[in-house]
N, C-alpha and C. Protein backbone atom coordinates (compact mmCIF):
# COMPACT_ATOMS: atom_id res chain seq x y z
N MET A 1 -9.47 -1.35 -1.54
CA MET A 1 -9.72 -0.07 -2.18
C MET A 1 -10.09 -0.31 -3.62
N GLU A 2 -11.03 0.43 -4.07
CA GLU A 2 -11.47 0.27 -5.45
C GLU A 2 -10.78 1.29 -6.35
N GLU A 3 -11.09 1.21 -7.63
CA GLU A 3 -10.46 2.05 -8.63
C GLU A 3 -10.68 3.54 -8.37
N HIS A 4 -9.77 4.33 -8.95
CA HIS A 4 -9.87 5.79 -8.97
C HIS A 4 -9.77 6.42 -7.58
N ASN A 5 -8.90 5.89 -6.76
CA ASN A 5 -8.68 6.42 -5.42
C ASN A 5 -7.20 6.68 -5.19
N PHE A 6 -6.93 7.53 -4.23
CA PHE A 6 -5.56 7.82 -3.84
C PHE A 6 -5.17 6.95 -2.65
N VAL A 7 -3.90 6.59 -2.61
CA VAL A 7 -3.34 5.89 -1.46
C VAL A 7 -2.14 6.70 -1.02
N VAL A 8 -2.12 7.04 0.27
CA VAL A 8 -1.01 7.82 0.78
C VAL A 8 -0.86 7.58 2.28
N ASP A 9 0.35 7.59 2.74
CA ASP A 9 0.63 7.61 4.17
C ASP A 9 0.90 9.08 4.50
N LEU A 10 -0.14 9.78 4.95
CA LEU A 10 -0.03 11.23 5.13
C LEU A 10 1.07 11.62 6.10
N ASP A 11 1.22 10.88 7.20
CA ASP A 11 2.25 11.22 8.17
C ASP A 11 3.63 11.13 7.52
N SER A 12 3.85 10.06 6.79
CA SER A 12 5.12 9.88 6.11
C SER A 12 5.35 10.97 5.07
N PHE A 13 4.33 11.23 4.26
CA PHE A 13 4.46 12.21 3.20
C PHE A 13 4.65 13.62 3.74
N ASP A 14 3.80 14.00 4.70
CA ASP A 14 3.88 15.35 5.26
C ASP A 14 5.18 15.62 6.01
N ASN A 15 5.68 14.58 6.68
CA ASN A 15 6.88 14.76 7.49
C ASN A 15 8.16 14.29 6.80
N ASN A 16 8.01 13.86 5.54
CA ASN A 16 9.16 13.42 4.74
C ASN A 16 9.98 12.35 5.47
N ILE A 17 9.27 11.33 5.97
CA ILE A 17 9.91 10.21 6.65
C ILE A 17 9.47 8.90 5.98
N PRO A 18 10.26 7.85 6.12
CA PRO A 18 9.86 6.57 5.52
C PRO A 18 8.53 6.09 6.09
N SER A 19 7.76 5.46 5.25
CA SER A 19 6.46 4.94 5.67
C SER A 19 6.61 3.58 6.33
N SER A 20 5.76 3.34 7.31
CA SER A 20 5.73 2.01 7.93
C SER A 20 4.65 1.15 7.26
N ALA A 21 3.92 1.73 6.31
CA ALA A 21 2.87 1.01 5.60
C ALA A 21 3.36 0.62 4.21
N TYR A 22 2.63 -0.28 3.59
CA TYR A 22 2.93 -0.65 2.22
C TYR A 22 1.63 -0.84 1.46
N VAL A 23 1.73 -0.79 0.14
CA VAL A 23 0.57 -0.98 -0.72
C VAL A 23 0.84 -2.21 -1.57
N GLN A 24 -0.15 -3.08 -1.66
CA GLN A 24 -0.02 -4.27 -2.48
C GLN A 24 -1.21 -4.33 -3.42
N ALA A 25 -0.94 -4.37 -4.71
CA ALA A 25 -2.01 -4.52 -5.69
C ALA A 25 -2.32 -6.00 -5.84
N ILE A 26 -3.58 -6.36 -5.68
CA ILE A 26 -3.95 -7.77 -5.82
C ILE A 26 -4.68 -8.03 -7.13
N THR A 27 -4.89 -6.96 -7.90
CA THR A 27 -5.42 -7.08 -9.26
C THR A 27 -4.55 -6.20 -10.14
N ASP A 28 -4.66 -6.38 -11.44
CA ASP A 28 -3.92 -5.53 -12.35
C ASP A 28 -4.38 -4.09 -12.16
N CYS A 29 -3.43 -3.18 -12.19
CA CYS A 29 -3.80 -1.77 -12.00
C CYS A 29 -2.73 -0.88 -12.64
N THR A 30 -3.06 0.37 -12.74
CA THR A 30 -2.10 1.38 -13.14
C THR A 30 -1.82 2.21 -11.90
N LEU A 31 -0.59 2.31 -11.55
CA LEU A 31 -0.18 3.04 -10.36
C LEU A 31 0.57 4.29 -10.78
N ILE A 32 0.11 5.42 -10.31
CA ILE A 32 0.78 6.69 -10.60
C ILE A 32 1.44 7.15 -9.31
N ILE A 33 2.74 7.36 -9.37
CA ILE A 33 3.49 7.73 -8.18
C ILE A 33 3.95 9.17 -8.31
N PHE A 34 3.71 9.94 -7.25
CA PHE A 34 4.16 11.32 -7.20
C PHE A 34 5.34 11.42 -6.23
N THR A 35 6.43 12.00 -6.70
CA THR A 35 7.49 12.33 -5.77
C THR A 35 7.06 13.58 -5.01
N ARG A 36 7.75 13.90 -3.97
CA ARG A 36 7.43 15.11 -3.22
C ARG A 36 7.55 16.34 -4.12
N LYS A 37 8.58 16.35 -4.97
CA LYS A 37 8.76 17.48 -5.88
C LYS A 37 7.61 17.56 -6.88
N ASP A 38 7.19 16.41 -7.43
CA ASP A 38 6.04 16.39 -8.35
C ASP A 38 4.82 17.00 -7.68
N TRP A 39 4.60 16.61 -6.44
CA TRP A 39 3.44 17.09 -5.70
C TRP A 39 3.53 18.61 -5.49
N GLU A 40 4.71 19.07 -5.13
CA GLU A 40 4.91 20.52 -4.94
C GLU A 40 4.70 21.27 -6.26
N ASP A 41 5.16 20.68 -7.36
CA ASP A 41 4.95 21.30 -8.67
C ASP A 41 3.46 21.41 -8.99
N LEU A 42 2.70 20.37 -8.70
CA LEU A 42 1.25 20.43 -8.91
C LEU A 42 0.63 21.53 -8.06
N THR A 43 1.06 21.61 -6.82
CA THR A 43 0.54 22.64 -5.91
C THR A 43 0.84 24.03 -6.44
N ASN A 44 2.02 24.21 -7.00
CA ASN A 44 2.42 25.53 -7.50
C ASN A 44 1.85 25.84 -8.89
N THR A 45 1.40 24.83 -9.61
CA THR A 45 0.93 25.01 -10.97
C THR A 45 -0.59 25.12 -11.08
N ILE A 46 -1.29 24.28 -10.35
CA ILE A 46 -2.75 24.22 -10.48
C ILE A 46 -3.40 25.09 -9.41
N ILE A 47 -4.10 26.10 -9.87
CA ILE A 47 -4.80 27.00 -8.94
C ILE A 47 -5.89 26.21 -8.23
N GLY A 48 -5.90 26.28 -6.92
CA GLY A 48 -6.91 25.58 -6.13
C GLY A 48 -6.57 24.14 -5.83
N TRP A 49 -5.35 23.69 -6.16
CA TRP A 49 -4.95 22.30 -5.93
C TRP A 49 -5.05 21.93 -4.46
N GLU A 50 -4.60 22.82 -3.57
CA GLU A 50 -4.64 22.52 -2.14
C GLU A 50 -6.08 22.31 -1.67
N SER A 51 -7.02 23.06 -2.22
CA SER A 51 -8.42 22.89 -1.86
C SER A 51 -8.93 21.52 -2.34
N ILE A 52 -8.52 21.12 -3.52
CA ILE A 52 -8.91 19.81 -4.06
C ILE A 52 -8.35 18.71 -3.16
N VAL A 53 -7.09 18.83 -2.81
CA VAL A 53 -6.44 17.83 -1.95
C VAL A 53 -7.14 17.78 -0.60
N HIS A 54 -7.47 18.92 -0.05
CA HIS A 54 -8.17 18.97 1.25
C HIS A 54 -9.49 18.19 1.18
N LYS A 55 -10.23 18.36 0.10
CA LYS A 55 -11.50 17.65 -0.07
C LYS A 55 -11.27 16.14 -0.19
N ILE A 56 -10.23 15.75 -0.91
CA ILE A 56 -9.92 14.32 -1.06
C ILE A 56 -9.55 13.72 0.30
N VAL A 57 -8.72 14.42 1.05
CA VAL A 57 -8.30 13.93 2.36
C VAL A 57 -9.50 13.83 3.30
N LYS A 58 -10.33 14.84 3.30
CA LYS A 58 -11.52 14.84 4.15
C LYS A 58 -12.42 13.65 3.82
N LYS A 59 -12.66 13.42 2.54
CA LYS A 59 -13.49 12.29 2.10
C LYS A 59 -12.86 10.97 2.54
N SER A 60 -11.55 10.85 2.41
CA SER A 60 -10.84 9.63 2.79
C SER A 60 -10.95 9.35 4.28
N VAL A 61 -10.80 10.39 5.08
CA VAL A 61 -10.89 10.21 6.53
C VAL A 61 -12.29 9.76 6.92
N ILE A 62 -13.30 10.37 6.33
CA ILE A 62 -14.69 9.97 6.61
C ILE A 62 -14.92 8.52 6.21
N GLN A 63 -14.44 8.13 5.02
CA GLN A 63 -14.61 6.75 4.56
C GLN A 63 -13.89 5.77 5.48
N LYS A 64 -12.71 6.15 5.92
CA LYS A 64 -11.94 5.27 6.80
C LYS A 64 -12.66 5.08 8.13
N LEU A 65 -13.18 6.16 8.69
CA LEU A 65 -13.91 6.06 9.95
C LEU A 65 -15.19 5.26 9.78
N ASP A 66 -15.89 5.48 8.68
CA ASP A 66 -17.13 4.73 8.41
C ASP A 66 -16.84 3.24 8.26
N GLY A 67 -15.69 2.92 7.69
CA GLY A 67 -15.33 1.52 7.48
C GLY A 67 -14.88 0.82 8.75
N ARG A 68 -14.25 1.55 9.66
CA ARG A 68 -13.73 0.95 10.89
C ARG A 68 -14.82 0.67 11.91
N SER A 69 -15.77 1.56 12.02
CA SER A 69 -16.82 1.47 13.03
C SER A 69 -17.56 0.14 12.98
N PRO A 70 -18.06 -0.29 11.81
CA PRO A 70 -18.79 -1.55 11.76
C PRO A 70 -17.93 -2.76 12.11
N LEU A 71 -16.62 -2.69 11.87
CA LEU A 71 -15.76 -3.83 12.16
C LEU A 71 -15.74 -4.14 13.65
N VAL A 72 -16.08 -3.16 14.46
CA VAL A 72 -16.07 -3.35 15.90
C VAL A 72 -17.47 -3.67 16.42
N SER A 73 -18.48 -3.04 15.85
CA SER A 73 -19.81 -3.11 16.45
C SER A 73 -20.79 -4.08 15.80
N GLU A 74 -20.49 -4.61 14.63
CA GLU A 74 -21.45 -5.47 13.94
C GLU A 74 -20.95 -6.90 13.86
N ASP A 75 -21.89 -7.84 13.73
CA ASP A 75 -21.50 -9.24 13.60
C ASP A 75 -20.94 -9.48 12.19
N ALA A 76 -20.32 -10.63 12.03
CA ALA A 76 -19.61 -10.95 10.78
C ALA A 76 -20.54 -10.97 9.56
N THR A 77 -21.73 -11.50 9.71
CA THR A 77 -22.66 -11.56 8.57
C THR A 77 -23.07 -10.17 8.14
N THR A 78 -23.34 -9.31 9.10
CA THR A 78 -23.71 -7.92 8.79
C THR A 78 -22.55 -7.21 8.10
N ARG A 79 -21.34 -7.44 8.56
CA ARG A 79 -20.16 -6.82 7.92
C ARG A 79 -20.01 -7.31 6.49
N TYR A 80 -20.27 -8.61 6.26
CA TYR A 80 -20.17 -9.17 4.92
C TYR A 80 -21.21 -8.53 4.00
N PHE A 81 -22.45 -8.42 4.47
CA PHE A 81 -23.50 -7.79 3.67
C PHE A 81 -23.16 -6.33 3.37
N ALA A 82 -22.61 -5.64 4.35
CA ALA A 82 -22.23 -4.24 4.14
C ALA A 82 -21.13 -4.14 3.08
N PHE A 83 -20.17 -5.07 3.12
CA PHE A 83 -19.11 -5.09 2.10
C PHE A 83 -19.71 -5.36 0.73
N MET A 84 -20.62 -6.32 0.66
CA MET A 84 -21.27 -6.65 -0.62
C MET A 84 -21.99 -5.43 -1.19
N GLU A 85 -22.63 -4.68 -0.32
CA GLU A 85 -23.37 -3.50 -0.77
C GLU A 85 -22.44 -2.37 -1.20
N LYS A 86 -21.38 -2.17 -0.43
CA LYS A 86 -20.48 -1.05 -0.70
C LYS A 86 -19.51 -1.33 -1.84
N TYR A 87 -19.03 -2.57 -1.95
CA TYR A 87 -18.02 -2.91 -2.95
C TYR A 87 -18.42 -4.13 -3.77
N PRO A 88 -19.56 -4.10 -4.44
CA PRO A 88 -19.99 -5.30 -5.18
C PRO A 88 -19.01 -5.72 -6.27
N GLN A 89 -18.32 -4.76 -6.87
CA GLN A 89 -17.39 -5.08 -7.95
C GLN A 89 -16.10 -5.72 -7.43
N LEU A 90 -15.81 -5.58 -6.14
CA LEU A 90 -14.60 -6.18 -5.59
C LEU A 90 -14.83 -7.59 -5.06
N LEU A 91 -16.07 -7.91 -4.79
CA LEU A 91 -16.42 -9.15 -4.10
C LEU A 91 -15.79 -10.39 -4.73
N HIS A 92 -15.78 -10.48 -6.05
CA HIS A 92 -15.27 -11.67 -6.72
C HIS A 92 -13.90 -11.44 -7.36
N ARG A 93 -13.32 -10.28 -7.09
CA ARG A 93 -12.01 -9.97 -7.69
C ARG A 93 -10.87 -10.13 -6.70
N ILE A 94 -11.18 -10.17 -5.41
CA ILE A 94 -10.11 -10.27 -4.43
C ILE A 94 -10.11 -11.65 -3.79
N PRO A 95 -8.96 -12.14 -3.39
CA PRO A 95 -8.90 -13.46 -2.75
C PRO A 95 -9.74 -13.49 -1.46
N ARG A 96 -10.36 -14.62 -1.22
CA ARG A 96 -11.19 -14.77 -0.01
C ARG A 96 -10.40 -14.53 1.26
N SER A 97 -9.13 -14.90 1.26
CA SER A 97 -8.33 -14.71 2.46
C SER A 97 -8.21 -13.22 2.80
N TYR A 98 -8.08 -12.37 1.78
CA TYR A 98 -7.99 -10.94 2.01
C TYR A 98 -9.32 -10.37 2.48
N LEU A 99 -10.41 -10.87 1.89
CA LEU A 99 -11.73 -10.42 2.30
C LEU A 99 -11.99 -10.80 3.76
N ALA A 100 -11.68 -12.02 4.11
CA ALA A 100 -11.86 -12.47 5.50
C ALA A 100 -11.04 -11.61 6.45
N SER A 101 -9.81 -11.35 6.08
CA SER A 101 -8.94 -10.51 6.92
C SER A 101 -9.53 -9.11 7.08
N TYR A 102 -9.98 -8.52 5.98
CA TYR A 102 -10.58 -7.19 6.02
C TYR A 102 -11.80 -7.17 6.94
N LEU A 103 -12.60 -8.23 6.88
CA LEU A 103 -13.81 -8.30 7.70
C LEU A 103 -13.51 -8.69 9.15
N GLY A 104 -12.27 -9.10 9.41
CA GLY A 104 -11.89 -9.47 10.78
C GLY A 104 -12.42 -10.84 11.18
N ILE A 105 -12.51 -11.76 10.20
CA ILE A 105 -13.02 -13.10 10.47
C ILE A 105 -12.08 -14.12 9.83
N THR A 106 -12.30 -15.38 10.18
CA THR A 106 -11.49 -16.44 9.58
C THR A 106 -12.08 -16.80 8.21
N GLN A 107 -11.27 -17.48 7.41
CA GLN A 107 -11.75 -17.92 6.10
C GLN A 107 -12.89 -18.93 6.24
N SER A 108 -12.82 -19.77 7.27
CA SER A 108 -13.90 -20.74 7.46
C SER A 108 -15.19 -20.03 7.85
N SER A 109 -15.11 -18.97 8.64
CA SER A 109 -16.32 -18.19 8.98
C SER A 109 -16.90 -17.54 7.73
N LEU A 110 -16.03 -17.03 6.87
CA LEU A 110 -16.49 -16.42 5.62
C LEU A 110 -17.18 -17.47 4.75
N SER A 111 -16.60 -18.64 4.66
CA SER A 111 -17.22 -19.71 3.87
C SER A 111 -18.59 -20.07 4.42
N ARG A 112 -18.72 -20.15 5.75
CA ARG A 112 -20.00 -20.46 6.38
C ARG A 112 -21.04 -19.39 6.06
N ILE A 113 -20.63 -18.13 6.15
CA ILE A 113 -21.55 -17.02 5.86
C ILE A 113 -22.02 -17.09 4.41
N ARG A 114 -21.09 -17.32 3.50
CA ARG A 114 -21.45 -17.40 2.07
C ARG A 114 -22.36 -18.59 1.80
N LYS A 115 -22.10 -19.70 2.47
CA LYS A 115 -22.92 -20.88 2.29
C LYS A 115 -24.34 -20.64 2.81
N ASN A 116 -24.47 -19.96 3.93
CA ASN A 116 -25.78 -19.71 4.54
C ASN A 116 -26.63 -18.73 3.75
N ILE A 117 -26.01 -17.89 2.95
CA ILE A 117 -26.81 -16.92 2.19
C ILE A 117 -27.07 -17.38 0.75
N SER A 118 -26.48 -18.49 0.37
CA SER A 118 -26.68 -19.01 -0.99
C SER A 118 -28.03 -19.63 -1.17
């Protein structure tokens, strides 16, 4: 995930249950955490907040679906090129092992792909 985005486990948050997911920052970042009460206060204070949140959630769902589809239907080189195009600023900031995992390939396959396009 790149800068200026929200991370949330909606099921956990909406149902007030512990999350089975976790977030790990692999680069320096500023993390803003909202408690459930903070979130409710925002909803009660900012007119149209629920509409804003709805738009953010909708955009996130679309991005998630767009990101998952190619992982199943495209070859590894195509997935790598798509990542390069979509997230050029992340390409050299994240460890290769994480990139390979995200692309659903081994680190050696990633190295081969990078070598072949150099």
